[in-house]
Amino acid sequence: MVVPQLIFFAVVGVAAYVGYRAFVREAERVTAKIRRHEHQARTGTSGTLVYDPKTGEYRLAKD
């Protein structure tokens, strides 16, 4: 009866790892957004321009 327990703990371990990676990815995204906003406040800018290849125009980046 060791095999079902082993499978259970393996599944829990994989789920924990996937959840941890998702958490780290989201934390990095939020940190980058905060740093961008801090830099914009420090320099007095109102956003970052991004080139749109379809229209050939620049637009404000979406957060």
C-alpha atoms as a PDB file:
ATOM      1  CA  MET A   1       0.000   0.000   0.000  1.00  0.00           C
ATOM      2  CA  VAL A   2       2.972   2.335  -0.357  1.00  0.00           C
ATOM      3  CA  VAL A   3       2.395   3.045  -4.054  1.00  0.00           C
ATOM      4  CA  PRO A   4      -0.841   5.103  -3.650  1.00  0.00           C
ATOM      5  CA  GLN A   5       0.806   7.249  -0.985  1.00  0.00           C
ATOM      6  CA  LEU A   6       3.844   7.758  -3.193  1.00  0.00           C
ATOM      7  CA  ILE A   7       1.653   8.799  -6.121  1.00  0.00           C
ATOM      8  CA  PHE A   8      -0.323  11.155  -3.886  1.00  0.00           C
ATOM      9  CA  PHE A   9       2.790  12.871  -2.538  1.00  0.00           C
ATOM     10  CA  ALA A  10       4.278  13.096  -6.031  1.00  0.00           C
ATOM     11  CA  VAL A  11       1.133  14.832  -7.290  1.00  0.00           C
ATOM     12  CA  VAL A  12       1.127  17.188  -4.303  1.00  0.00           C
ATOM     13  CA  GLY A  13       4.800  17.960  -4.892  1.00  0.00           C
ATOM     14  CA  VAL A  14       4.259  18.745  -8.576  1.00  0.00           C
ATOM     15  CA  ALA A  15       1.253  20.937  -7.757  1.00  0.00           C
ATOM     16  CA  ALA A  16       3.274  22.805  -5.129  1.00  0.00           C
ATOM     17  CA  TYR A  17       6.128  23.377  -7.583  1.00  0.00           C
ATOM     18  CA  VAL A  18       3.789  24.650 -10.310  1.00  0.00           C
ATOM     19  CA  GLY A  19       2.076  26.948  -7.821  1.00  0.00           C
ATOM     20  CA  TYR A  20       5.411  28.263  -6.598  1.00  0.00           C
ATOM     21  CA  ARG A  21       6.588  29.010 -10.149  1.00  0.00           C
ATOM     22  CA  ALA A  22       3.313  30.831 -10.906  1.00  0.00           C
ATOM     23  CA  PHE A  23       3.703  32.869  -7.719  1.00  0.00           C
ATOM     24  CA  VAL A  24       7.285  33.849  -8.580  1.00  0.00           C
ATOM     25  CA  ARG A  25       6.297  34.800 -12.141  1.00  0.00           C
ATOM     26  CA  GLU A  26       3.471  37.010 -10.875  1.00  0.00           C
ATOM     27  CA  ALA A  27       5.698  38.602  -8.236  1.00  0.00           C
ATOM     28  CA  GLU A  28       8.298  39.464 -10.894  1.00  0.00           C
ATOM     29  CA  ARG A  29       5.594  40.963 -13.121  1.00  0.00           C
ATOM     30  CA  VAL A  30       4.213  43.120 -10.301  1.00  0.00           C
ATOM     31  CA  THR A  31       7.696  44.212  -9.220  1.00  0.00           C
ATOM     32  CA  ALA A  32       8.566  45.267 -12.787  1.00  0.00           C
ATOM     33  CA  LYS A  33       5.306  47.226 -13.028  1.00  0.00           C
ATOM     34  CA  ILE A  34       5.988  49.026  -9.736  1.00  0.00           C
ATOM     35  CA  ARG A  35       9.543  49.881 -10.806  1.00  0.00           C
ATOM     36  CA  ARG A  36       8.225  51.271 -14.113  1.00  0.00           C
ATOM     37  CA  HIS A  37       5.717  53.446 -12.288  1.00  0.00           C
ATOM     38  CA  GLU A  38       8.365  54.653  -9.830  1.00  0.00           C
ATOM     39  CA  HIS A  39      10.674  55.557 -12.713  1.00  0.00           C
ATOM     40  CA  GLN A  40       7.848  57.379 -14.496  1.00  0.00           C
ATOM     41  CA  ALA A  41       7.016  59.343 -11.342  1.00  0.00           C
ATOM     42  CA  ARG A  42      10.683  60.200 -10.817  1.00  0.00           C
ATOM     43  CA  THR A  43      11.219  61.415 -14.404  1.00  0.00           C
ATOM     44  CA  GLY A  44       7.788  62.988 -14.871  1.00  0.00           C
ATOM     45  CA  THR A  45       6.786  60.845 -17.855  1.00  0.00           C
ATOM     46  CA  SER A  46       3.265  59.578 -18.404  1.00  0.00           C
ATOM     47  CA  GLY A  47       3.995  56.151 -19.894  1.00  0.00           C
ATOM     48  CA  THR A  48       6.154  54.082 -22.202  1.00  0.00           C
ATOM     49  CA  LEU A  49       5.719  54.253 -25.951  1.00  0.00           C
ATOM     50  CA  VAL A  50       5.591  50.987 -27.883  1.00  0.00           C
ATOM     51  CA  TYR A  51       5.853  50.697 -31.673  1.00  0.00           C
ATOM     52  CA  ASP A  52       2.864  49.045 -33.367  1.00  0.00           C
ATOM     53  CA  PRO A  53       4.091  47.357 -36.576  1.00  0.00           C
ATOM     54  CA  LYS A  54       0.556  46.996 -37.993  1.00  0.00           C
ATOM     55  CA  THR A  55      -0.226  50.714 -37.975  1.00  0.00           C
ATOM     56  CA  GLY A  56       3.324  52.050 -37.953  1.00  0.00           C
ATOM     57  CA  GLU A  57       2.507  54.298 -35.015  1.00  0.00           C
ATOM     58  CA  TYR A  58       3.635  54.507 -31.408  1.00  0.00           C
ATOM     59  CA  ARG A  59       1.149  54.060 -28.589  1.00  0.00           C
ATOM     60  CA  LEU A  60       1.261  53.908 -24.802  1.00  0.00           C
ATOM     61  CA  ALA A  61       2.112  50.471 -23.443  1.00  0.00           C
ATOM     62  CA  LYS A  62      -0.689  48.626 -21.693  1.00  0.00           C
ATOM     63  CA  ASP A  63       0.025  47.341 -18.185  1.00  0.00           C
END
